[in-house]
């Protein structure tokens, strides 16, 4: 069974940092890209960052230079290091992978940035 579990969210002040983790199991982690999405209250879900199986990364313009996605293939885990956090980063953050034809989502972790 494919599973993704996001963790690491919490309450942080503006300018602070958090590191999210996405622990996975049930599939050949090394072979798949993993993405982080977020959904703020009243807004649509948006992609934040992604990392391919070979380590290539992509970021939303809103987080470039502040967030860093990485993966540890030995631990089947993807991380999202978030620095210089802003109130507009407040959202539930989800990790996801696509194993064609299905998408698998983690349960989400809440990040709240206070002003």
C-alpha atoms as a PDB file:
ATOM      1  CA  UNK A   1       0.000   0.000   0.000  1.00  0.00           C
ATOM      2  CA  UNK A   2       1.366   3.375  -1.040  1.00  0.00           C
ATOM      3  CA  UNK A   3       1.537   5.773   1.894  1.00  0.00           C
ATOM      4  CA  UNK A   4       2.796   9.313   2.324  1.00  0.00           C
ATOM      5  CA  UNK A   5       2.825  10.997   5.710  1.00  0.00           C
ATOM      6  CA  UNK A   6       3.575  14.690   6.048  1.00  0.00           C
ATOM      7  CA  UNK A   7       4.782  16.134   9.326  1.00  0.00           C
ATOM      8  CA  UNK A   8       6.651  19.081  10.760  1.00  0.00           C
ATOM      9  CA  UNK A   9       4.046  21.799  10.572  1.00  0.00           C
ATOM     10  CA  UNK A  10       3.370  24.213  13.383  1.00  0.00           C
ATOM     11  CA  UNK A  11       3.105  27.813  14.449  1.00  0.00           C
ATOM     12  CA  UNK A  12       5.987  30.119  13.641  1.00  0.00           C
ATOM     13  CA  UNK A  13       6.518  33.860  13.581  1.00  0.00           C
ATOM     14  CA  UNK A  14       7.147  35.850  10.423  1.00  0.00           C
ATOM     15  CA  UNK A  15      10.725  35.342   9.332  1.00  0.00           C
ATOM     16  CA  UNK A  16      11.001  31.983  11.035  1.00  0.00           C
ATOM     17  CA  UNK A  17      11.764  28.560   9.642  1.00  0.00           C
ATOM     18  CA  UNK A  18      10.214  25.112   9.564  1.00  0.00           C
ATOM     19  CA  UNK A  19      11.203  21.839   7.980  1.00  0.00           C
ATOM     20  CA  UNK A  20       8.474  19.584   6.691  1.00  0.00           C
ATOM     21  CA  UNK A  21       9.013  15.878   6.162  1.00  0.00           C
ATOM     22  CA  UNK A  22       7.169  13.484   3.881  1.00  0.00           C
ATOM     23  CA  UNK A  23       7.811   9.901   4.914  1.00  0.00           C
ATOM     24  CA  UNK A  24       6.792   7.347   2.308  1.00  0.00           C
ATOM     25  CA  UNK A  25       6.341   3.599   1.983  1.00  0.00           C
ATOM     26  CA  UNK A  26       4.852   0.991  -0.305  1.00  0.00           C
ATOM     27  CA  UNK A  27       6.541   1.934  -3.585  1.00  0.00           C
ATOM     28  CA  UNK A  28       9.981   2.239  -5.185  1.00  0.00           C
ATOM     29  CA  UNK A  29      10.719   5.670  -3.780  1.00  0.00           C
ATOM     30  CA  UNK A  30      13.931   6.138  -5.776  1.00  0.00           C
ATOM     31  CA  UNK A  31      12.010   5.964  -9.050  1.00  0.00           C
ATOM     32  CA  UNK A  32       9.404   8.671  -8.470  1.00  0.00           C
ATOM     33  CA  UNK A  33       9.082  12.406  -8.233  1.00  0.00           C
ATOM     34  CA  UNK A  34       7.528  13.907  -5.126  1.00  0.00           C
ATOM     35  CA  UNK A  35       5.762  17.223  -4.881  1.00  0.00           C
ATOM     36  CA  UNK A  36       4.635  19.560  -2.133  1.00  0.00           C
ATOM     37  CA  UNK A  37       1.356  21.400  -2.499  1.00  0.00           C
ATOM     38  CA  UNK A  38      -0.408  23.755  -0.158  1.00  0.00           C
ATOM     39  CA  UNK A  39      -3.935  24.991   0.358  1.00  0.00           C
ATOM     40  CA  UNK A  40      -4.734  28.151   2.251  1.00  0.00           C
ATOM     41  CA  UNK A  41      -8.215  28.817   3.667  1.00  0.00           C
ATOM     42  CA  UNK A  42     -10.565  29.834   0.898  1.00  0.00           C
ATOM     43  CA  UNK A  43      -7.970  29.330  -1.819  1.00  0.00           C
ATOM     44  CA  UNK A  44      -7.233  26.665  -4.381  1.00  0.00           C
ATOM     45  CA  UNK A  45      -4.508  24.120  -3.825  1.00  0.00           C
ATOM     46  CA  UNK A  46      -1.210  25.205  -5.408  1.00  0.00           C
ATOM     47  CA  UNK A  47       2.047  23.463  -6.133  1.00  0.00           C
ATOM     48  CA  UNK A  48       4.935  24.689  -4.002  1.00  0.00           C
ATOM     49  CA  UNK A  49       7.899  22.566  -5.031  1.00  0.00           C
ATOM     50  CA  UNK A  50       8.791  19.259  -6.607  1.00  0.00           C
ATOM     51  CA  UNK A  51      11.787  16.995  -6.934  1.00  0.00           C
ATOM     52  CA  UNK A  52      12.352  14.352  -9.576  1.00  0.00           C
ATOM     53  CA  UNK A  53      13.821  10.906  -9.084  1.00  0.00           C
ATOM     54  CA  UNK A  54      17.170  12.270 -10.225  1.00  0.00           C
ATOM     55  CA  UNK A  55      17.056  15.250  -7.871  1.00  0.00           C
ATOM     56  CA  UNK A  56      16.002  18.022 -10.225  1.00  0.00           C
ATOM     57  CA  UNK A  57      13.890  20.602  -8.452  1.00  0.00           C
ATOM     58  CA  UNK A  58      11.204  23.103  -9.324  1.00  0.00           C
ATOM     59  CA  UNK A  59       9.657  25.869  -7.236  1.00  0.00           C
ATOM     60  CA  UNK A  60       6.710  28.183  -7.357  1.00  0.00           C
ATOM     61  CA  UNK A  61       7.779  31.788  -7.901  1.00  0.00           C
ATOM     62  CA  UNK A  62       6.306  32.713  -4.525  1.00  0.00           C
ATOM     63  CA  UNK A  63       8.759  30.499  -2.634  1.00  0.00           C
ATOM     64  CA  UNK A  64      11.911  30.642  -4.770  1.00  0.00           C
ATOM     65  CA  UNK A  65      14.938  31.561  -2.699  1.00  0.00           C
ATOM     66  CA  UNK A  66      13.132  30.769   0.560  1.00  0.00           C
ATOM     67  CA  UNK A  67      12.141  27.094   0.301  1.00  0.00           C
ATOM     68  CA  UNK A  68      14.360  24.131  -0.506  1.00  0.00           C
ATOM     69  CA  UNK A  69      13.116  20.672  -1.390  1.00  0.00           C
ATOM     70  CA  UNK A  70      15.388  17.654  -0.957  1.00  0.00           C
ATOM     71  CA  UNK A  71      15.150  13.900  -0.773  1.00  0.00           C
ATOM     72  CA  UNK A  72      16.874  11.162   1.193  1.00  0.00           C
ATOM     73  CA  UNK A  73      16.514   7.945  -0.778  1.00  0.00           C
ATOM     74  CA  UNK A  74      17.938   5.906   2.102  1.00  0.00           C
ATOM     75  CA  UNK A  75      15.053   7.060   4.307  1.00  0.00           C
ATOM     76  CA  UNK A  76      12.347   7.210   1.606  1.00  0.00           C
ATOM     77  CA  UNK A  77      11.695  10.752   2.749  1.00  0.00           C
ATOM     78  CA  UNK A  78      11.355  14.150   1.104  1.00  0.00           C
ATOM     79  CA  UNK A  79      11.936  17.372   3.002  1.00  0.00           C
ATOM     80  CA  UNK A  80      10.799  20.939   2.511  1.00  0.00           C
ATOM     81  CA  UNK A  81      12.981  23.461   4.293  1.00  0.00           C
ATOM     82  CA  UNK A  82      11.051  26.699   4.622  1.00  0.00           C
ATOM     83  CA  UNK A  83      12.913  29.861   5.595  1.00  0.00           C
ATOM     84  CA  UNK A  84      11.888  33.507   5.837  1.00  0.00           C
ATOM     85  CA  UNK A  85       8.304  32.471   6.318  1.00  0.00           C
ATOM     86  CA  UNK A  86       5.541  34.972   5.641  1.00  0.00           C
ATOM     87  CA  UNK A  87       1.916  35.081   6.795  1.00  0.00           C
ATOM     88  CA  UNK A  88       0.862  34.237   3.235  1.00  0.00           C
ATOM     89  CA  UNK A  89       2.661  30.899   3.583  1.00  0.00           C
ATOM     90  CA  UNK A  90      -0.016  29.853   6.081  1.00  0.00           C
ATOM     91  CA  UNK A  91      -1.688  26.751   4.677  1.00  0.00           C
ATOM     92  CA  UNK A  92      -2.065  23.029   4.959  1.00  0.00           C
ATOM     93  CA  UNK A  93       0.881  21.436   3.182  1.00  0.00           C
ATOM     94  CA  UNK A  94       0.546  18.117   1.381  1.00  0.00           C
ATOM     95  CA  UNK A  95       3.047  15.823  -0.284  1.00  0.00           C
ATOM     96  CA  UNK A  96       2.069  13.834  -3.335  1.00  0.00           C
ATOM     97  CA  UNK A  97       3.433  11.355  -5.801  1.00  0.00           C
ATOM     98  CA  UNK A  98       2.044  10.109  -9.073  1.00  0.00           C
ATOM     99  CA  UNK A  99       2.337   6.443  -9.888  1.00  0.00           C
ATOM    100  CA  UNK A 100       0.517   6.323 -13.180  1.00  0.00           C
ATOM    101  CA  UNK A 101      -2.431   6.489 -13.424  1.00  0.00           C
ATOM    102  CA  UNK A 102      -3.011   7.346  -9.767  1.00  0.00           C
ATOM    103  CA  UNK A 103      -2.033  10.188  -7.455  1.00  0.00           C
ATOM    104  CA  UNK A 104      -1.243   9.490  -3.841  1.00  0.00           C
ATOM    105  CA  UNK A 105      -1.567  12.252  -1.265  1.00  0.00           C
ATOM    106  CA  UNK A 106      -0.403  12.510   2.293  1.00  0.00           C
ATOM    107  CA  UNK A 107      -2.775  13.733   4.972  1.00  0.00           C
ATOM    108  CA  UNK A 108      -1.411  17.271   5.219  1.00  0.00           C
ATOM    109  CA  UNK A 109       0.361  19.244   7.908  1.00  0.00           C
ATOM    110  CA  UNK A 110      -0.705  22.719   9.004  1.00  0.00           C
ATOM    111  CA  UNK A 111       1.719  25.614   8.850  1.00  0.00           C
ATOM    112  CA  UNK A 112       0.664  28.842  10.520  1.00  0.00           C
ATOM    113  CA  UNK A 113       2.815  31.947  10.228  1.00  0.00           C
ATOM    114  CA  UNK A 114       1.903  34.730  12.618  1.00  0.00           C
ATOM    115  CA  UNK A 115       2.533  38.363  11.803  1.00  0.00           C
END
